[in-house]
Amino acid sequence: MFEQIINAVNSIVWGPIMLTLLLGTGVFLTIGLRGMTITRIPYAFRQLLKGRKGSGEGEISPFNALMTALSSTVGTGNIAGVATAIGIGGPGALFWMWCTALVGMATKYAEAVLAVNYRETDAAGKKVGGPMYYIKNGLGKRWKPLAFLFALFGSLAGFGLANTVQSNTVSQVLLNNFNIPTMASGFVMALLVALVLLGGIKRIAQVAGKLVPLMTVIYLLSTLIILAVNVSAIPAAFALIVDSAFNGTAATGGFAGATVMLALKMGVSRGIFSNESGLGSAPIAHAAAETNSPVRQGTIAMLGTFIDTLIICTMTGLVLIVSGVWNSDLQGAAMTLMVFDATLPFGGNILSLCIALFAFTTMLGWSYYGERCAQFLLGPKVVMPFRVLWVAGVFVGTQMSLGLVWKMSDALNGMMAIPNLLALLLLSPVVFKLTKQYFQQEDTQPEVEPN
């Protein structure tokens, strides 16, 4: 009965109404910002390159804030999630993932702008922020229960999708490919996570600042080699993606066929699930950035969605389509594994390494999100017990069967979006005003390096 209740909740929080709300919020913000999040992409990359050193109060550099945010979004969803979307919805699902990302950039931008604008200094003198703070400080005291709901969902959700499920995934990959016992991999992972968490957000950001670029480069280089081998099939792949998005996909091989609506549903749901735009997680990391400008950090934050979906997910999707494996009988990550194995020397090992790194950094990034949510609810005294529980969860996850845990955390993850989206819509005038003021000043003077 409990599992049936969880399934019912999931059907709502990840159903058509919620997906429409997530997508609709992105469209509304994109229009309100006059497409700035698309036209200012080159500007955003310039700010990212300058962001290795901060220019204001905060705990971590703007660059490392983005790497911390990416550490939690670039994960198994970029491999298994994309494969699932295309395997069920057809190649057209990738087109709708692109559309979701383009409007999702505005959502991610608005989240970061509000997170920096309404952040606080905690008892330890550290800058903290996120949806729970911009709900409380931006909407007023009567909205505080909504902030508590977000913090409650956020503090619990991570123990599923970003903790036990991730460590379980890594332990199974290491067991299947390298015969490493799950007890051993669980102990080592828990130890490594503990060593990082002891240093707080600064150490998490330092590790993410090194691991995220490394794992991204390894994965993208691997997919580029596969695309180079199949270069003649790339134009036809793009044509198939666009055609399938508007006409559906006929049944071929092991593929059962897909309608336009199925492609749309899978593309939107997997796209949002991958880049987390609207869920309210990433702004918690961006609130800790050393910056004196909410808008500047917002432009850096929106690149998280661009990199996660428009680059990494696109490369995965193209690899599956040009190789023809998308219409086989395989499902999920097994599709991607087949292509890597068939095309690259030690391809299976390379993909296993990428999955392990993706999952490990997700555990680090989400540990900070959960910790900040827990601190908002219970105060600074909860930080150390939370870290202990998080490390224990990493080991426990390697020894569990996680079907129900996955569904529960999936529901909590979706429920985080409800208070966050409401706050984004109500505080959108603040985002529009800050953005207009910033770029009016920026466009009338030469762009300068942050001090």
Protein backbone atom coordinates (compact mmCIF):
# COMPACT_ATOMS: atom_id res chain seq x y z
CA MET A 1 0.00 0.00 0.00
CA PHE A 2 2.84 2.38 0.88
CA GLU A 3 4.47 1.74 -2.49
CA GLN A 4 1.15 2.40 -4.22
CA ILE A 5 0.91 5.74 -2.40
CA ILE A 6 4.44 6.65 -3.51
CA ASN A 7 3.61 5.68 -7.09
CA ALA A 8 0.50 7.88 -6.96
CA VAL A 9 2.52 10.82 -5.64
CA ASN A 10 5.11 10.32 -8.38
CA SER A 11 2.42 10.27 -11.04
CA ILE A 12 1.41 13.75 -9.85
CA VAL A 13 4.76 15.43 -9.12
CA TRP A 14 6.27 14.10 -12.35
CA GLY A 15 3.00 14.09 -14.28
CA PRO A 16 1.70 16.40 -17.03
CA ILE A 17 0.58 19.21 -14.67
CA MET A 18 3.96 19.52 -12.94
CA LEU A 19 5.94 19.18 -16.17
CA THR A 20 3.75 21.90 -17.70
CA LEU A 21 4.37 24.11 -14.65
CA LEU A 22 8.13 23.55 -14.83
CA LEU A 23 8.22 24.24 -18.55
CA GLY A 24 5.73 27.11 -18.32
CA THR A 25 7.77 28.86 -15.63
CA GLY A 26 10.83 28.68 -17.89
CA VAL A 27 8.86 30.10 -20.84
CA PHE A 28 7.42 32.91 -18.68
CA LEU A 29 10.86 33.87 -17.33
CA THR A 30 12.47 33.68 -20.78
CA ILE A 31 9.84 36.08 -22.17
CA GLY A 32 10.09 38.36 -19.12
CA LEU A 33 13.88 38.50 -19.53
CA ARG A 34 13.40 39.18 -23.26
CA GLY A 35 15.45 36.15 -24.25
CA MET A 36 18.51 37.43 -22.37
CA THR A 37 19.48 33.95 -21.18
CA ILE A 38 19.92 32.90 -24.81
CA THR A 39 21.42 36.06 -26.33
CA ARG A 40 23.86 36.52 -23.42
CA ILE A 41 25.40 33.03 -23.55
CA PRO A 42 28.77 34.38 -24.85
CA TYR A 43 28.74 36.95 -22.04
CA ALA A 44 28.04 34.18 -19.53
CA PHE A 45 31.06 32.16 -20.69
CA ARG A 46 33.27 35.25 -20.35
CA GLN A 47 32.05 35.67 -16.77
CA LEU A 48 32.72 31.99 -16.09
CA LEU A 49 36.33 32.29 -17.28
CA LYS A 50 36.78 35.35 -15.06
CA GLY A 51 35.05 33.57 -12.20
CA ARG A 52 38.06 31.61 -10.99
CA LYS A 53 38.55 34.48 -8.54
CA GLY A 54 35.69 36.09 -6.69
CA SER A 55 34.72 39.73 -6.33
CA GLY A 56 32.75 40.03 -3.12
CA GLU A 57 31.62 38.21 0.00
CA GLY A 58 31.17 34.45 -0.15
CA GLU A 59 32.82 31.12 0.50
CA ILE A 60 33.83 29.82 -2.95
CA SER A 61 34.74 31.26 -6.34
CA PRO A 62 31.94 31.80 -8.89
CA PHE A 63 33.59 29.15 -11.09
CA ASN A 64 33.65 26.57 -8.30
CA ALA A 65 30.04 27.41 -7.42
CA LEU A 66 29.06 26.33 -10.94
CA MET A 67 31.25 23.22 -10.70
CA THR A 68 29.57 22.31 -7.40
CA ALA A 69 26.15 22.77 -9.01
CA LEU A 70 27.23 20.73 -12.03
CA SER A 71 28.59 18.00 -9.77
CA SER A 72 25.03 17.22 -8.71
CA THR A 73 23.38 17.53 -12.14
CA VAL A 74 25.96 15.85 -14.39
CA GLY A 75 25.35 12.24 -13.44
CA THR A 76 23.86 8.96 -14.49
CA GLY A 77 20.88 10.86 -15.93
CA ASN A 78 23.17 12.11 -18.70
CA ILE A 79 23.87 8.50 -19.66
CA ALA A 80 20.96 6.33 -18.58
CA GLY A 81 18.35 9.12 -18.58
CA VAL A 82 18.99 10.18 -22.17
CA ALA A 83 19.05 6.56 -23.32
CA THR A 84 15.71 5.95 -21.57
CA ALA A 85 14.16 9.06 -23.15
CA ILE A 86 15.21 8.07 -26.68
CA GLY A 87 14.51 4.37 -26.12
CA ILE A 88 10.89 5.15 -25.18
CA GLY A 89 10.13 8.43 -26.96
CA GLY A 90 12.32 8.00 -30.02
CA PRO A 91 14.99 10.39 -31.38
CA GLY A 92 12.46 13.27 -31.22
CA ALA A 93 12.79 13.23 -27.42
CA LEU A 94 16.24 14.80 -27.82
CA PHE A 95 14.73 17.79 -29.65
CA TRP A 96 12.33 18.43 -26.77
CA MET A 97 15.22 18.10 -24.32
CA TRP A 98 16.89 20.96 -26.19
CA CYS A 99 13.73 23.09 -25.96
CA THR A 100 13.45 22.31 -22.25
CA ALA A 101 17.06 23.37 -21.70
CA LEU A 102 16.69 26.66 -23.59
CA VAL A 103 13.84 27.82 -21.36
CA GLY A 104 15.32 26.04 -18.33
CA MET A 105 18.31 28.35 -18.54
CA ALA A 106 16.01 31.23 -17.57
CA THR A 107 14.73 29.24 -14.59
CA LYS A 108 18.26 28.42 -13.42
CA TYR A 109 19.30 32.06 -13.94
CA ALA A 110 16.37 33.38 -11.86
CA GLU A 111 17.08 30.86 -9.07
CA ALA A 112 20.69 32.02 -8.74
CA VAL A 113 19.82 35.72 -8.93
CA LEU A 114 17.33 35.35 -6.08
CA ALA A 115 19.66 33.08 -4.08
CA VAL A 116 22.47 35.66 -4.07
CA ASN A 117 20.12 38.62 -3.62
CA TYR A 118 18.38 37.18 -0.55
CA ARG A 119 21.22 35.17 1.00
CA GLU A 120 22.13 35.49 4.68
CA THR A 121 25.22 35.22 6.88
CA ASP A 122 24.91 32.32 9.31
CA ALA A 123 26.21 32.05 12.88
CA ALA A 124 29.62 30.89 11.60
CA GLY A 125 29.93 33.95 9.34
CA LYS A 126 29.29 31.99 6.12
CA LYS A 127 27.04 33.08 3.28
CA VAL A 128 24.05 30.75 2.90
CA GLY A 129 21.05 30.88 0.60
CA GLY A 130 18.69 29.03 -1.68
CA PRO A 131 14.92 28.75 -2.18
CA MET A 132 14.19 28.51 1.55
CA TYR A 133 15.92 31.87 2.08
CA TYR A 134 14.46 33.72 -0.87
CA ILE A 135 11.01 32.47 0.10
CA LYS A 136 11.49 33.69 3.68
CA ASN A 137 13.28 36.96 2.92
CA GLY A 138 11.65 37.77 -0.41
CA LEU A 139 8.03 36.80 0.19
CA GLY A 140 7.79 37.59 3.90
CA LYS A 141 7.01 35.78 7.16
CA ARG A 142 3.60 34.47 6.16
CA TRP A 143 5.29 32.38 3.43
CA LYS A 144 7.77 30.84 5.86
CA PRO A 145 5.91 27.48 6.02
CA LEU A 146 6.61 27.14 2.29
CA ALA A 147 10.31 27.66 2.99
CA PHE A 148 10.20 24.95 5.65
CA LEU A 149 8.51 22.57 3.23
CA PHE A 150 11.24 23.08 0.65
CA ALA A 151 13.96 22.56 3.27
CA LEU A 152 12.23 19.41 4.55
CA PHE A 153 11.92 17.88 1.09
CA GLY A 154 15.49 18.93 0.21
CA SER A 155 17.07 17.50 3.35
CA LEU A 156 15.39 14.11 2.81
CA ALA A 157 15.50 13.78 -1.00
CA GLY A 158 19.28 13.67 -1.20
CA PHE A 159 19.53 10.47 0.85
CA GLY A 160 17.86 8.65 -2.01
CA LEU A 161 18.78 9.82 -5.50
CA ALA A 162 22.06 11.49 -4.51
CA ASN A 163 23.34 9.19 -1.79
CA THR A 164 22.27 5.54 -1.50
CA VAL A 165 21.22 5.19 -5.14
CA GLN A 166 24.47 6.73 -6.39
CA SER A 167 26.74 4.61 -4.18
CA ASN A 168 24.75 1.52 -5.15
CA THR A 169 25.23 2.35 -8.85
CA VAL A 170 28.99 2.76 -8.43
CA SER A 171 29.34 -0.44 -6.39
CA GLN A 172 27.46 -2.46 -9.02
CA VAL A 173 29.54 -0.99 -11.87
CA LEU A 174 32.78 -1.79 -10.01
CA LEU A 175 31.54 -5.30 -9.17
CA ASN A 176 30.45 -6.13 -12.72
CA ASN A 177 33.46 -4.64 -14.52
CA PHE A 178 36.34 -5.07 -12.07
CA ASN A 179 35.07 -7.73 -9.62
CA ILE A 180 35.46 -5.35 -6.67
CA PRO A 181 33.25 -6.51 -3.74
CA THR A 182 30.50 -4.08 -2.80
CA MET A 183 31.69 -4.03 0.85
CA ALA A 184 35.12 -2.82 -0.26
CA SER A 185 33.83 -0.19 -2.68
CA GLY A 186 31.28 0.98 -0.10
CA PHE A 187 33.95 1.45 2.56
CA VAL A 188 36.30 3.33 0.23
CA MET A 189 33.53 5.59 -1.09
CA ALA A 190 32.31 6.39 2.41
CA LEU A 191 35.87 7.22 3.48
CA LEU A 192 36.49 9.50 0.47
CA VAL A 193 33.17 11.29 0.94
CA ALA A 194 33.92 11.76 4.65
CA LEU A 195 37.34 13.28 3.93
CA VAL A 196 35.77 15.80 1.57
CA LEU A 197 32.77 16.66 3.78
CA LEU A 198 34.98 17.44 6.78
CA GLY A 199 36.25 20.47 4.87
CA GLY A 200 32.76 21.85 4.26
CA ILE A 201 31.70 23.74 1.15
CA LYS A 202 35.22 25.02 0.42
CA ARG A 203 36.65 21.52 0.10
CA ILE A 204 33.58 20.24 -1.76
CA ALA A 205 33.99 23.11 -4.22
CA GLN A 206 37.73 22.50 -4.60
CA VAL A 207 37.19 18.82 -5.39
CA ALA A 208 34.27 19.60 -7.72
CA GLY A 209 36.37 22.29 -9.43
CA LYS A 210 38.89 19.62 -10.42
CA LEU A 211 36.78 16.49 -10.90
CA VAL A 212 33.84 17.97 -12.85
CA PRO A 213 35.96 19.44 -15.69
CA LEU A 214 38.06 16.23 -15.79
CA MET A 215 35.12 13.82 -16.00
CA THR A 216 33.31 16.05 -18.50
CA VAL A 217 36.35 16.18 -20.79
CA ILE A 218 36.86 12.39 -20.59
CA TYR A 219 33.23 11.73 -21.48
CA LEU A 220 33.01 14.33 -24.25
CA LEU A 221 36.27 13.21 -25.88
CA SER A 222 35.00 9.62 -25.86
CA THR A 223 31.71 10.61 -27.51
CA LEU A 224 33.54 12.80 -30.05
CA ILE A 225 35.65 9.82 -31.13
CA ILE A 226 32.50 7.70 -31.55
CA LEU A 227 30.87 10.48 -33.61
CA ALA A 228 34.02 10.82 -35.72
CA VAL A 229 33.83 7.10 -36.53
CA ASN A 230 30.19 7.58 -37.58
CA VAL A 231 30.56 11.07 -39.05
CA SER A 232 28.67 10.26 -42.24
CA ALA A 233 25.55 9.41 -40.20
CA ILE A 234 25.42 12.74 -38.29
CA PRO A 235 23.39 14.80 -40.82
CA ALA A 236 20.79 12.05 -41.07
CA ALA A 237 20.69 11.83 -37.26
CA PHE A 238 19.80 15.53 -36.93
CA ALA A 239 17.14 15.17 -39.62
CA LEU A 240 15.67 12.16 -37.79
CA ILE A 241 15.63 14.06 -34.47
CA VAL A 242 13.68 17.00 -35.90
CA ASP A 243 11.32 14.84 -37.98
CA SER A 244 10.56 12.53 -35.05
CA ALA A 245 9.83 15.50 -32.78
CA PHE A 246 6.93 16.62 -34.99
CA ASN A 247 5.82 13.40 -36.70
CA GLY A 248 6.54 10.65 -34.18
CA THR A 249 8.73 7.61 -34.79
CA ALA A 250 7.63 4.45 -36.60
CA ALA A 251 8.47 1.07 -35.09
CA THR A 252 11.84 -0.26 -36.28
CA GLY A 253 14.03 -3.08 -35.00
CA GLY A 254 13.38 -3.54 -31.28
CA PHE A 255 11.82 -0.06 -30.99
CA ALA A 256 8.06 -0.08 -30.36
CA GLY A 257 7.33 3.27 -32.03
CA ALA A 258 6.48 6.60 -30.41
CA THR A 259 3.95 9.39 -30.89
CA VAL A 260 4.77 13.09 -30.84
CA MET A 261 3.25 13.36 -27.33
CA LEU A 262 5.40 10.50 -26.04
CA ALA A 263 8.54 12.11 -27.47
CA LEU A 264 7.52 15.42 -25.88
CA LYS A 265 6.81 13.87 -22.50
CA MET A 266 10.06 11.88 -22.36
CA GLY A 267 12.16 14.79 -23.63
CA VAL A 268 10.74 17.29 -21.14
CA SER A 269 10.76 14.95 -18.12
CA ARG A 270 14.27 13.57 -18.70
CA GLY A 271 15.59 17.03 -19.57
CA ILE A 272 14.31 18.58 -16.35
CA PHE A 273 15.38 15.54 -14.33
CA SER A 274 18.90 15.85 -15.73
CA ASN A 275 19.55 19.60 -15.39
CA GLU A 276 17.31 20.18 -12.31
CA SER A 277 16.10 23.58 -13.57
CA GLY A 278 13.24 24.59 -11.32
CA LEU A 279 13.89 22.03 -8.58
CA GLY A 280 15.78 24.58 -6.47
CA SER A 281 18.95 22.61 -5.76
CA ALA A 282 21.63 24.52 -7.72
CA PRO A 283 20.92 27.99 -6.21
CA ILE A 284 22.02 26.64 -2.81
CA ALA A 285 25.56 26.29 -4.23
CA HIS A 286 25.48 29.62 -6.11
CA ALA A 287 24.46 31.44 -2.91
CA ALA A 288 27.91 30.64 -1.50
CA ALA A 289 29.76 32.30 -4.40
CA GLU A 290 32.18 35.15 -3.83
CA THR A 291 30.27 37.79 -5.74
CA ASN A 292 28.78 41.24 -5.28
CA SER A 293 26.37 40.83 -8.20
CA PRO A 294 23.35 38.50 -8.22
CA VAL A 295 22.98 38.96 -11.98
CA ARG A 296 26.59 38.11 -12.79
CA GLN A 297 26.33 34.90 -10.79
CA GLY A 298 22.99 34.21 -12.45
CA THR A 299 24.60 34.29 -15.90
CA ILE A 300 27.21 31.79 -14.71
CA ALA A 301 24.52 29.60 -13.14
CA MET A 302 22.48 29.34 -16.34
CA LEU A 303 25.47 27.69 -18.02
CA GLY A 304 24.84 24.67 -15.79
CA THR A 305 21.73 23.85 -17.83
CA PHE A 306 23.51 24.67 -21.09
CA ILE A 307 26.46 22.37 -20.33
CA ASP A 308 24.41 19.56 -18.79
CA THR A 309 21.71 19.24 -21.46
CA LEU A 310 22.70 21.10 -24.62
CA ILE A 311 26.22 19.67 -24.59
CA ILE A 312 26.53 16.46 -22.54
CA CYS A 313 23.02 15.04 -23.09
CA THR A 314 23.22 15.97 -26.78
CA MET A 315 26.47 14.05 -27.20
CA THR A 316 24.95 10.98 -25.53
CA GLY A 317 21.85 11.19 -27.73
CA LEU A 318 23.82 11.59 -30.95
CA VAL A 319 26.03 8.62 -30.08
CA LEU A 320 22.96 6.43 -29.56
CA ILE A 321 21.31 7.59 -32.80
CA VAL A 322 24.28 7.49 -35.23
CA SER A 323 25.23 4.03 -33.98
CA GLY A 324 21.68 2.75 -34.51
CA VAL A 325 21.53 1.24 -31.01
CA TRP A 326 18.55 3.43 -30.03
CA ASN A 327 16.11 1.03 -31.75
CA SER A 328 17.59 -2.16 -30.27
CA ASP A 329 16.14 -4.30 -27.48
CA LEU A 330 18.55 -2.78 -24.93
CA GLN A 331 17.40 -0.28 -22.32
CA GLY A 332 18.92 2.57 -20.34
CA ALA A 333 22.67 2.70 -19.73
CA ALA A 334 23.10 -0.67 -21.48
CA MET A 335 22.58 1.17 -24.80
CA THR A 336 25.42 3.60 -24.14
CA LEU A 337 27.63 0.81 -22.83
CA MET A 338 27.12 -1.21 -26.02
CA VAL A 339 28.24 1.73 -28.20
CA PHE A 340 31.31 2.47 -26.07
CA ASP A 341 32.29 -1.21 -26.00
CA ALA A 342 31.87 -1.64 -29.75
CA THR A 343 33.72 1.53 -30.79
CA LEU A 344 36.43 2.35 -28.25
CA PRO A 345 39.31 0.29 -26.87
CA PHE A 346 38.40 -0.38 -23.23
CA GLY A 347 35.16 1.48 -23.95
CA GLY A 348 33.26 -0.31 -21.19
CA ASN A 349 35.95 0.62 -18.66
CA ILE A 350 35.93 4.26 -19.79
CA LEU A 351 32.16 4.52 -19.41
CA SER A 352 32.35 2.76 -16.03
CA LEU A 353 34.92 5.33 -14.88
CA CYS A 354 32.66 8.17 -16.07
CA ILE A 355 29.65 6.70 -14.24
CA ALA A 356 31.70 6.30 -11.06
CA LEU A 357 32.97 9.90 -11.21
CA PHE A 358 29.53 11.27 -12.09
CA ALA A 359 27.95 9.44 -9.16
CA PHE A 360 30.73 10.37 -6.69
CA THR A 361 30.50 14.09 -7.45
CA THR A 362 26.70 13.91 -7.19
CA MET A 363 27.10 12.56 -3.67
CA LEU A 364 29.35 15.51 -2.80
CA GLY A 365 27.20 18.24 -4.34
CA TRP A 366 23.95 17.00 -2.86
CA SER A 367 25.51 16.54 0.58
CA TYR A 368 25.89 20.33 0.72
CA TYR A 369 22.32 20.91 -0.47
CA GLY A 370 20.90 18.56 2.15
CA GLU A 371 23.11 20.01 4.87
CA ARG A 372 21.98 23.56 4.14
CA CYS A 373 18.34 22.49 4.14
CA ALA A 374 18.78 20.65 7.44
CA GLN A 375 20.54 23.67 8.98
CA PHE A 376 17.66 25.91 7.92
CA LEU A 377 15.25 23.60 9.76
CA LEU A 378 17.23 22.77 12.91
CA GLY A 379 20.14 25.22 13.17
CA PRO A 380 23.96 24.77 13.06
CA LYS A 381 23.92 21.92 15.61
CA VAL A 382 22.56 19.56 12.95
CA VAL A 383 25.51 19.92 10.55
CA MET A 384 27.83 17.29 12.03
CA PRO A 385 25.10 14.66 12.67
CA PHE A 386 23.89 15.21 9.11
CA ARG A 387 27.38 14.60 7.72
CA VAL A 388 27.72 11.40 9.76
CA LEU A 389 24.36 10.14 8.47
CA TRP A 390 25.34 11.06 4.91
CA VAL A 391 28.60 9.11 5.09
CA ALA A 392 26.79 6.13 6.64
CA GLY A 393 24.21 6.30 3.84
CA VAL A 394 26.96 6.02 1.24
CA PHE A 395 28.05 2.66 2.67
CA VAL A 396 24.54 1.38 3.40
CA GLY A 397 23.48 2.13 -0.18
CA THR A 398 25.99 -0.36 -1.56
CA GLN A 399 24.33 -3.17 0.43
CA MET A 400 20.68 -2.38 -0.30
CA SER A 401 17.98 -3.13 -2.84
CA LEU A 402 16.83 0.36 -3.69
CA GLY A 403 13.64 0.10 -5.76
CA LEU A 404 11.37 1.76 -3.17
CA VAL A 405 14.07 4.20 -2.02
CA TRP A 406 14.44 5.40 -5.63
CA LYS A 407 10.69 6.03 -5.92
CA MET A 408 10.48 7.83 -2.56
CA SER A 409 13.39 10.14 -3.31
CA ASP A 410 12.04 10.73 -6.81
CA ALA A 411 8.80 11.97 -5.23
CA LEU A 412 10.61 14.19 -2.72
CA ASN A 413 12.79 15.60 -5.48
CA GLY A 414 9.71 16.59 -7.47
CA MET A 415 7.97 18.03 -4.41
CA MET A 416 10.91 20.42 -3.92
CA ALA A 417 9.88 22.11 -7.15
CA ILE A 418 6.42 23.18 -5.94
CA PRO A 419 7.44 25.85 -3.36
CA ASN A 420 10.41 26.85 -5.52
CA LEU A 421 8.38 27.47 -8.68
CA LEU A 422 5.78 29.43 -6.74
CA ALA A 423 8.52 31.66 -5.31
CA LEU A 424 10.11 32.14 -8.74
CA LEU A 425 6.82 33.31 -10.23
CA LEU A 426 6.00 35.65 -7.33
CA LEU A 427 9.52 37.11 -7.20
CA SER A 428 9.96 37.35 -10.97
CA PRO A 429 9.55 41.18 -10.91
CA VAL A 430 12.64 41.34 -8.69
CA VAL A 431 14.59 39.22 -11.20
CA PHE A 432 13.46 41.38 -14.13
CA LYS A 433 14.30 44.63 -12.29
CA LEU A 434 17.78 43.52 -11.16
CA THR A 435 18.57 42.22 -14.65
CA LYS A 436 17.46 45.42 -16.38
CA GLN A 437 19.46 47.62 -14.00
CA TYR A 438 22.59 45.49 -14.30
CA PHE A 439 22.71 45.33 -18.09
CA GLN A 440 21.79 48.99 -18.52
CA GLN A 441 24.89 49.81 -16.51
CA GLU A 442 26.98 47.04 -18.08
CA ASP A 443 26.14 48.07 -21.65
CA THR A 444 27.11 51.69 -21.06
CA GLN A 445 30.61 50.99 -19.76
CA PRO A 446 33.47 48.69 -20.83
CA GLU A 447 33.40 45.20 -19.40
CA VAL A 448 36.04 44.99 -16.66
CA GLU A 449 37.69 42.13 -14.82
CA PRO A 450 36.17 41.55 -11.35
CA ASN A 451 38.51 42.68 -8.56
